[in-house]
């Protein structure tokens, strides 16, 4: 069911300087790394329009704010965006996770989420990931994300039932792990061009991350058929043979969410003609959808991904 997003509220607990434009992130001019070289959303505004008299809410103003905190003794820097319509009421939260070699600015600036959050009425949280995003560090990242979300809910009026997570490449992999381990905090995820998980010796439904004990989480997955970094149908020679392919993983999530057989193959109207849809629905309203672009490589689908993700989040059940 389509519904219009209404802005309400959110917050943040680390407080430092509020700024417009690109926040500091360990690089003076953050650029995508090798794995994210094609992510950039070229052209268009980089964030909400600048206003010199932005309203103040505690430590934060509407617009783009830098946010810092310590986690496990390590300094972590992030960006938090309060949309212009923020008025101290409970807003949905969007967590945006970049890929390897990028940073928070890759998501809110280059991939357009600063503007999208402002227009759609999300509070945006865009953390800088750890440099090495191997399995052990991903576990640490998920622990950090869960703690940060909880702190944000203490600082600002977030609607705890509408916490959504999107990510690209390595960030997409974190989406799946966060959904598996913290399904009580996440209503839906939108993973873009990332690995879904790995098979294990515990059985066909016991994969890593293990979702058998998780609650239902609606899943959107966007992928390019020309992706050679995370191939759609088979692992690369250097990848573990146990890697779950995209359509296989979607089927596992569909089964977990209690979805019926694959439903309408029609892609959302915001998608170009090169996109095909794999779509499952359940009696509870939870959905699993894969959008496959025949012309897309390992790149953010500029021009339609953000709109498709907002549409998906707006129609699936809350947590």
Protein backbone atom coordinates (compact mmCIF):
# COMPACT_ATOMS: atom_id res chain seq x y z
CA UNK A 1 0.00 0.00 0.00
CA UNK A 2 1.47 3.33 -1.01
CA UNK A 3 1.51 6.02 1.59
CA UNK A 4 3.04 9.45 1.87
CA UNK A 5 5.96 9.88 4.19
CA UNK A 6 5.31 12.31 7.02
CA UNK A 7 8.33 13.91 8.70
CA UNK A 8 8.58 13.55 12.41
CA UNK A 9 11.94 13.30 14.20
CA UNK A 10 15.26 11.78 15.15
CA UNK A 11 18.44 12.58 16.80
CA UNK A 12 22.00 11.89 17.58
CA UNK A 13 24.22 11.67 20.55
CA UNK A 14 27.62 12.56 19.45
CA UNK A 15 27.72 16.20 18.96
CA UNK A 16 30.23 18.28 17.19
CA UNK A 17 30.15 21.01 14.63
CA UNK A 18 27.17 21.22 12.33
CA UNK A 19 28.18 21.82 8.74
CA UNK A 20 26.78 21.90 5.22
CA UNK A 21 28.46 20.04 2.41
CA UNK A 22 30.95 17.25 2.92
CA UNK A 23 31.88 16.38 6.46
CA UNK A 24 35.44 15.51 7.46
CA UNK A 25 36.18 11.81 7.38
CA UNK A 26 39.87 11.17 7.54
CA UNK A 27 40.21 12.36 3.93
CA UNK A 28 40.04 15.95 2.84
CA UNK A 29 38.10 15.07 -0.29
CA UNK A 30 36.59 11.60 0.15
CA UNK A 31 36.44 9.60 -3.03
CA UNK A 32 35.15 6.10 -3.71
CA UNK A 33 37.75 3.36 -3.55
CA UNK A 34 38.42 0.65 -6.14
CA UNK A 35 35.33 -1.34 -5.18
CA UNK A 36 33.10 1.70 -5.38
CA UNK A 37 34.65 3.57 -8.28
CA UNK A 38 31.39 3.72 -10.20
CA UNK A 39 29.14 4.56 -7.25
CA UNK A 40 29.21 8.30 -7.68
CA UNK A 41 25.87 9.94 -8.39
CA UNK A 42 27.13 12.56 -10.81
CA UNK A 43 25.38 15.87 -10.98
CA UNK A 44 22.65 17.32 -8.79
CA UNK A 45 22.73 18.69 -5.26
CA UNK A 46 24.89 17.00 -2.65
CA UNK A 47 22.57 17.49 0.31
CA UNK A 48 19.70 19.54 1.69
CA UNK A 49 19.67 23.21 0.62
CA UNK A 50 21.80 25.50 2.79
CA UNK A 51 20.02 27.81 5.25
CA UNK A 52 21.92 30.15 7.55
CA UNK A 53 19.19 30.09 10.22
CA UNK A 54 18.67 26.37 10.63
CA UNK A 55 16.55 25.37 13.66
CA UNK A 56 18.48 23.88 16.58
CA UNK A 57 17.40 20.65 18.33
CA UNK A 58 19.67 19.93 21.27
CA UNK A 59 23.14 19.36 19.83
CA UNK A 60 21.95 19.28 16.25
CA UNK A 61 20.49 21.50 13.60
CA UNK A 62 18.34 20.59 10.64
CA UNK A 63 20.55 19.64 7.74
CA UNK A 64 23.92 17.93 7.86
CA UNK A 65 25.73 17.44 11.18
CA UNK A 66 28.98 15.74 12.04
CA UNK A 67 28.68 13.13 14.79
CA UNK A 68 31.54 11.48 16.68
CA UNK A 69 31.73 8.85 19.41
CA UNK A 70 33.98 6.23 20.91
CA UNK A 71 33.25 2.55 20.42
CA UNK A 72 35.48 -0.12 21.89
CA UNK A 73 38.12 2.52 22.45
CA UNK A 74 38.12 3.62 18.81
CA UNK A 75 36.95 7.00 17.54
CA UNK A 76 34.11 6.75 15.01
CA UNK A 77 32.96 9.62 12.81
CA UNK A 78 29.58 9.81 11.11
CA UNK A 79 27.11 12.22 9.58
CA UNK A 80 23.56 12.75 10.79
CA UNK A 81 20.97 14.53 8.66
CA UNK A 82 17.84 16.06 10.14
CA UNK A 83 15.33 16.91 7.39
CA UNK A 84 14.06 20.47 7.19
CA UNK A 85 10.59 19.42 8.35
CA UNK A 86 11.96 17.91 11.57
CA UNK A 87 9.92 19.22 14.48
CA UNK A 88 10.87 17.01 17.41
CA UNK A 89 8.48 14.17 16.63
CA UNK A 90 9.24 10.54 15.78
CA UNK A 91 10.76 10.26 12.31
CA UNK A 92 11.90 7.11 10.50
CA UNK A 93 15.63 6.49 10.54
CA UNK A 94 17.66 5.56 7.47
CA UNK A 95 21.12 4.06 8.04
CA UNK A 96 23.36 4.30 4.95
CA UNK A 97 26.43 2.03 4.76
CA UNK A 98 29.16 2.62 2.18
CA UNK A 99 31.32 0.04 0.40
CA UNK A 100 35.04 -0.69 0.73
CA UNK A 101 37.20 2.36 0.08
CA UNK A 102 34.37 4.83 0.63
CA UNK A 103 33.03 6.65 3.67
CA UNK A 104 29.80 8.17 4.92
CA UNK A 105 30.01 10.94 2.33
CA UNK A 106 29.92 8.33 -0.44
CA UNK A 107 26.34 7.57 0.56
CA UNK A 108 24.92 10.96 1.55
CA UNK A 109 26.72 13.02 -1.06
CA UNK A 110 27.72 10.97 -4.10
CA UNK A 111 24.80 8.54 -4.00
CA UNK A 112 22.29 11.28 -3.26
CA UNK A 113 20.98 10.22 0.15
CA UNK A 114 21.41 13.68 1.68
CA UNK A 115 18.82 15.07 -0.71
CA UNK A 116 16.65 11.94 -0.52
CA UNK A 117 16.49 11.99 3.27
CA UNK A 118 15.48 15.63 3.28
CA UNK A 119 12.78 15.15 0.66
CA UNK A 120 11.41 11.83 1.99
CA UNK A 121 11.47 12.80 5.65
CA UNK A 122 14.10 10.41 6.99
CA UNK A 123 16.65 11.14 9.63
CA UNK A 124 19.85 9.94 7.99
CA UNK A 125 22.77 8.25 9.74
CA UNK A 126 25.90 7.71 7.62
CA UNK A 127 28.85 6.23 9.55
CA UNK A 128 32.41 5.87 8.34
CA UNK A 129 33.25 2.18 8.26
CA UNK A 130 36.41 0.60 9.60
CA UNK A 131 39.30 0.38 7.10
CA UNK A 132 39.46 -3.44 7.05
CA UNK A 133 35.98 -4.85 6.54
CA UNK A 134 36.72 -8.57 6.78
CA UNK A 135 34.43 -10.94 8.66
CA UNK A 136 35.79 -10.14 12.13
CA UNK A 137 35.51 -6.42 11.52
CA UNK A 138 32.02 -6.79 10.12
CA UNK A 139 30.98 -8.36 13.42
CA UNK A 140 32.48 -5.34 15.17
CA UNK A 141 30.72 -3.01 12.73
CA UNK A 142 27.33 -4.59 13.39
CA UNK A 143 27.91 -4.24 17.13
CA UNK A 144 28.76 -0.57 16.60
CA UNK A 145 25.70 0.03 14.43
CA UNK A 146 23.34 -1.54 16.98
CA UNK A 147 24.86 0.60 19.75
CA UNK A 148 24.74 3.77 17.64
CA UNK A 149 21.09 3.25 16.69
CA UNK A 150 20.23 2.81 20.37
CA UNK A 151 22.08 6.02 21.27
CA UNK A 152 20.33 7.94 18.51
CA UNK A 153 17.00 6.81 19.89
CA UNK A 154 18.02 8.18 23.30
CA UNK A 155 19.07 11.55 21.91
CA UNK A 156 16.36 12.27 19.35
CA UNK A 157 12.77 11.23 18.75
CA UNK A 158 13.21 8.35 16.29
CA UNK A 159 10.28 6.11 15.46
CA UNK A 160 11.82 2.86 16.72
CA UNK A 161 9.46 0.80 14.55
CA UNK A 162 10.72 2.46 11.35
CA UNK A 163 14.46 1.86 11.28
CA UNK A 164 15.69 1.08 7.76
CA UNK A 165 19.16 0.15 6.54
CA UNK A 166 20.64 0.41 3.07
CA UNK A 167 24.18 -0.29 1.91
CA UNK A 168 26.41 -0.80 -1.10
CA UNK A 169 28.82 -3.73 -1.63
CA UNK A 170 30.51 -4.33 1.77
CA UNK A 171 27.80 -2.10 3.24
CA UNK A 172 25.15 -4.39 1.75
CA UNK A 173 26.75 -7.36 3.48
CA UNK A 174 26.43 -5.49 6.79
CA UNK A 175 22.73 -4.93 6.03
CA UNK A 176 22.12 -8.68 5.97
CA UNK A 177 24.12 -9.31 9.13
CA UNK A 178 22.35 -6.49 10.98
CA UNK A 179 18.96 -7.87 9.90
CA UNK A 180 19.93 -11.38 11.02
CA UNK A 181 21.30 -10.38 14.42
CA UNK A 182 19.07 -7.41 15.27
CA UNK A 183 15.75 -8.06 13.55
CA UNK A 184 14.00 -6.53 16.57
CA UNK A 185 15.51 -3.15 15.65
CA UNK A 186 15.25 -3.18 11.85
CA UNK A 187 11.99 -3.02 9.87
CA UNK A 188 13.53 -3.53 6.41
CA UNK A 189 16.81 -3.48 4.52
CA UNK A 190 17.78 -2.50 0.98
CA UNK A 191 21.07 -4.12 -0.03
CA UNK A 192 22.79 -3.02 -3.22
CA UNK A 193 25.42 -5.14 -5.02
CA UNK A 194 26.56 -7.09 -1.98
CA UNK A 195 27.15 -10.65 -0.80
CA UNK A 196 24.11 -12.08 0.98
CA UNK A 197 25.84 -14.81 2.99
CA UNK A 198 27.59 -18.15 2.92
CA UNK A 199 26.48 -21.77 3.14
CA UNK A 200 27.49 -23.74 6.22
CA UNK A 201 27.64 -27.40 7.18
CA UNK A 202 24.60 -26.96 9.45
CA UNK A 203 22.09 -27.43 6.62
CA UNK A 204 20.47 -25.63 3.68
CA UNK A 205 18.63 -23.12 5.88
CA UNK A 206 21.49 -22.53 8.33
CA UNK A 207 23.77 -20.13 6.53
CA UNK A 208 26.07 -17.35 7.68
CA UNK A 209 24.57 -15.07 8.86
CA UNK A 210 22.11 -17.49 10.45
CA UNK A 211 18.59 -16.08 10.15
CA UNK A 212 16.67 -19.02 11.63
CA UNK A 213 16.28 -17.26 14.99
CA UNK A 214 15.62 -13.82 13.48
CA UNK A 215 12.27 -12.13 13.22
CA UNK A 216 10.75 -11.17 9.89
CA UNK A 217 12.54 -8.38 8.02
CA UNK A 218 11.48 -7.18 4.57
CA UNK A 219 14.34 -7.35 2.08
CA UNK A 220 15.02 -5.41 -1.13
CA UNK A 221 18.12 -6.35 -3.13
CA UNK A 222 19.39 -4.36 -6.13
CA UNK A 223 22.07 -5.89 -8.35
CA UNK A 224 23.63 -5.45 -11.77
CA UNK A 225 23.81 -8.38 -14.18
CA UNK A 226 27.18 -7.02 -15.38
CA UNK A 227 28.68 -6.91 -11.90
CA UNK A 228 32.08 -8.62 -11.96
CA UNK A 229 33.06 -7.70 -8.39
CA UNK A 230 30.08 -9.49 -6.83
CA UNK A 231 28.72 -11.62 -9.69
CA UNK A 232 25.00 -12.16 -9.72
CA UNK A 233 24.90 -15.89 -10.36
CA UNK A 234 28.22 -17.43 -9.29
CA UNK A 235 31.21 -16.62 -7.08
CA UNK A 236 34.43 -15.34 -8.59
CA UNK A 237 37.36 -17.79 -8.60
CA UNK A 238 38.82 -16.05 -5.54
CA UNK A 239 35.52 -16.16 -3.61
CA UNK A 240 34.58 -18.97 -1.23
CA UNK A 241 32.59 -21.65 -3.06
CA UNK A 242 30.07 -21.46 -0.23
CA UNK A 243 28.89 -17.98 -1.18
CA UNK A 244 25.12 -17.81 -1.57
CA UNK A 245 24.05 -16.38 -4.94
CA UNK A 246 21.63 -13.47 -5.06
CA UNK A 247 18.50 -15.30 -6.22
CA UNK A 248 19.22 -18.21 -3.90
CA UNK A 249 19.55 -15.81 -0.98
CA UNK A 250 16.32 -14.03 -1.88
CA UNK A 251 14.54 -17.37 -1.86
CA UNK A 252 15.93 -18.16 1.60
CA UNK A 253 14.72 -14.83 2.95
CA UNK A 254 11.32 -15.31 1.27
CA UNK A 255 10.92 -18.67 2.98
CA UNK A 256 12.00 -17.19 6.32
CA UNK A 257 9.44 -14.37 6.00
CA UNK A 258 6.64 -16.82 5.22
CA UNK A 259 6.21 -15.56 1.67
CA UNK A 260 4.22 -17.40 -0.97
CA UNK A 261 5.54 -18.36 -4.40
CA UNK A 262 7.14 -15.61 -6.44
CA UNK A 263 4.52 -13.02 -7.27
CA UNK A 264 4.31 -10.20 -9.81
CA UNK A 265 7.47 -9.82 -11.93
CA UNK A 266 6.70 -6.16 -12.62
CA UNK A 267 9.43 -3.76 -11.56
CA UNK A 268 8.48 -0.47 -9.83
CA UNK A 269 7.59 2.37 -12.19
CA UNK A 270 10.70 4.33 -11.14
CA UNK A 271 12.95 1.64 -12.66
CA UNK A 272 14.22 1.73 -16.25
CA UNK A 273 13.22 -0.91 -18.79
CA UNK A 274 16.49 -2.76 -18.17
CA UNK A 275 15.29 -3.84 -14.70
CA UNK A 276 13.48 -7.11 -13.99
CA UNK A 277 11.84 -7.92 -10.67
CA UNK A 278 11.71 -11.04 -8.51
CA UNK A 279 9.07 -10.48 -5.87
CA UNK A 280 7.62 -12.47 -2.96
CA UNK A 281 4.89 -11.37 -0.53
CA UNK A 282 3.48 -12.79 2.68
CA UNK A 283 0.16 -12.70 4.50
CA UNK A 284 1.74 -10.40 7.09
CA UNK A 285 2.71 -7.89 4.39
CA UNK A 286 6.45 -8.64 4.57
CA UNK A 287 8.13 -8.62 1.19
CA UNK A 288 11.28 -9.85 -0.49
CA UNK A 289 12.17 -8.25 -3.80
CA UNK A 290 15.14 -8.44 -6.13
CA UNK A 291 15.64 -5.79 -8.81
CA UNK A 292 18.15 -6.89 -11.44
CA UNK A 293 19.46 -4.36 -13.96
CA UNK A 294 20.80 -6.03 -17.11
CA UNK A 295 23.06 -3.04 -17.92
CA UNK A 296 24.45 -2.29 -14.46
CA UNK A 297 27.91 -3.25 -13.21
CA UNK A 298 29.28 -2.90 -9.68
CA UNK A 299 27.85 0.58 -9.24
CA UNK A 300 25.11 2.43 -7.42
CA UNK A 301 22.05 2.62 -9.69
CA UNK A 302 22.02 6.40 -9.96
CA UNK A 303 18.72 7.84 -11.09
CA UNK A 304 16.38 5.17 -9.71
CA UNK A 305 17.78 3.21 -6.75
CA UNK A 306 16.96 5.82 -4.10
CA UNK A 307 13.36 6.20 -5.29
CA UNK A 308 12.86 2.43 -5.44
CA UNK A 309 14.25 2.03 -1.92
CA UNK A 310 12.05 4.79 -0.46
CA UNK A 311 9.01 3.24 -2.18
CA UNK A 312 9.85 -0.20 -0.74
CA UNK A 313 10.37 1.12 2.79
CA UNK A 314 7.10 3.09 2.62
CA UNK A 315 4.93 0.05 1.92
CA UNK A 316 6.34 -2.78 4.05
CA UNK A 317 5.27 -3.43 7.67
CA UNK A 318 7.03 -1.65 10.51
CA UNK A 319 9.11 -3.62 13.01
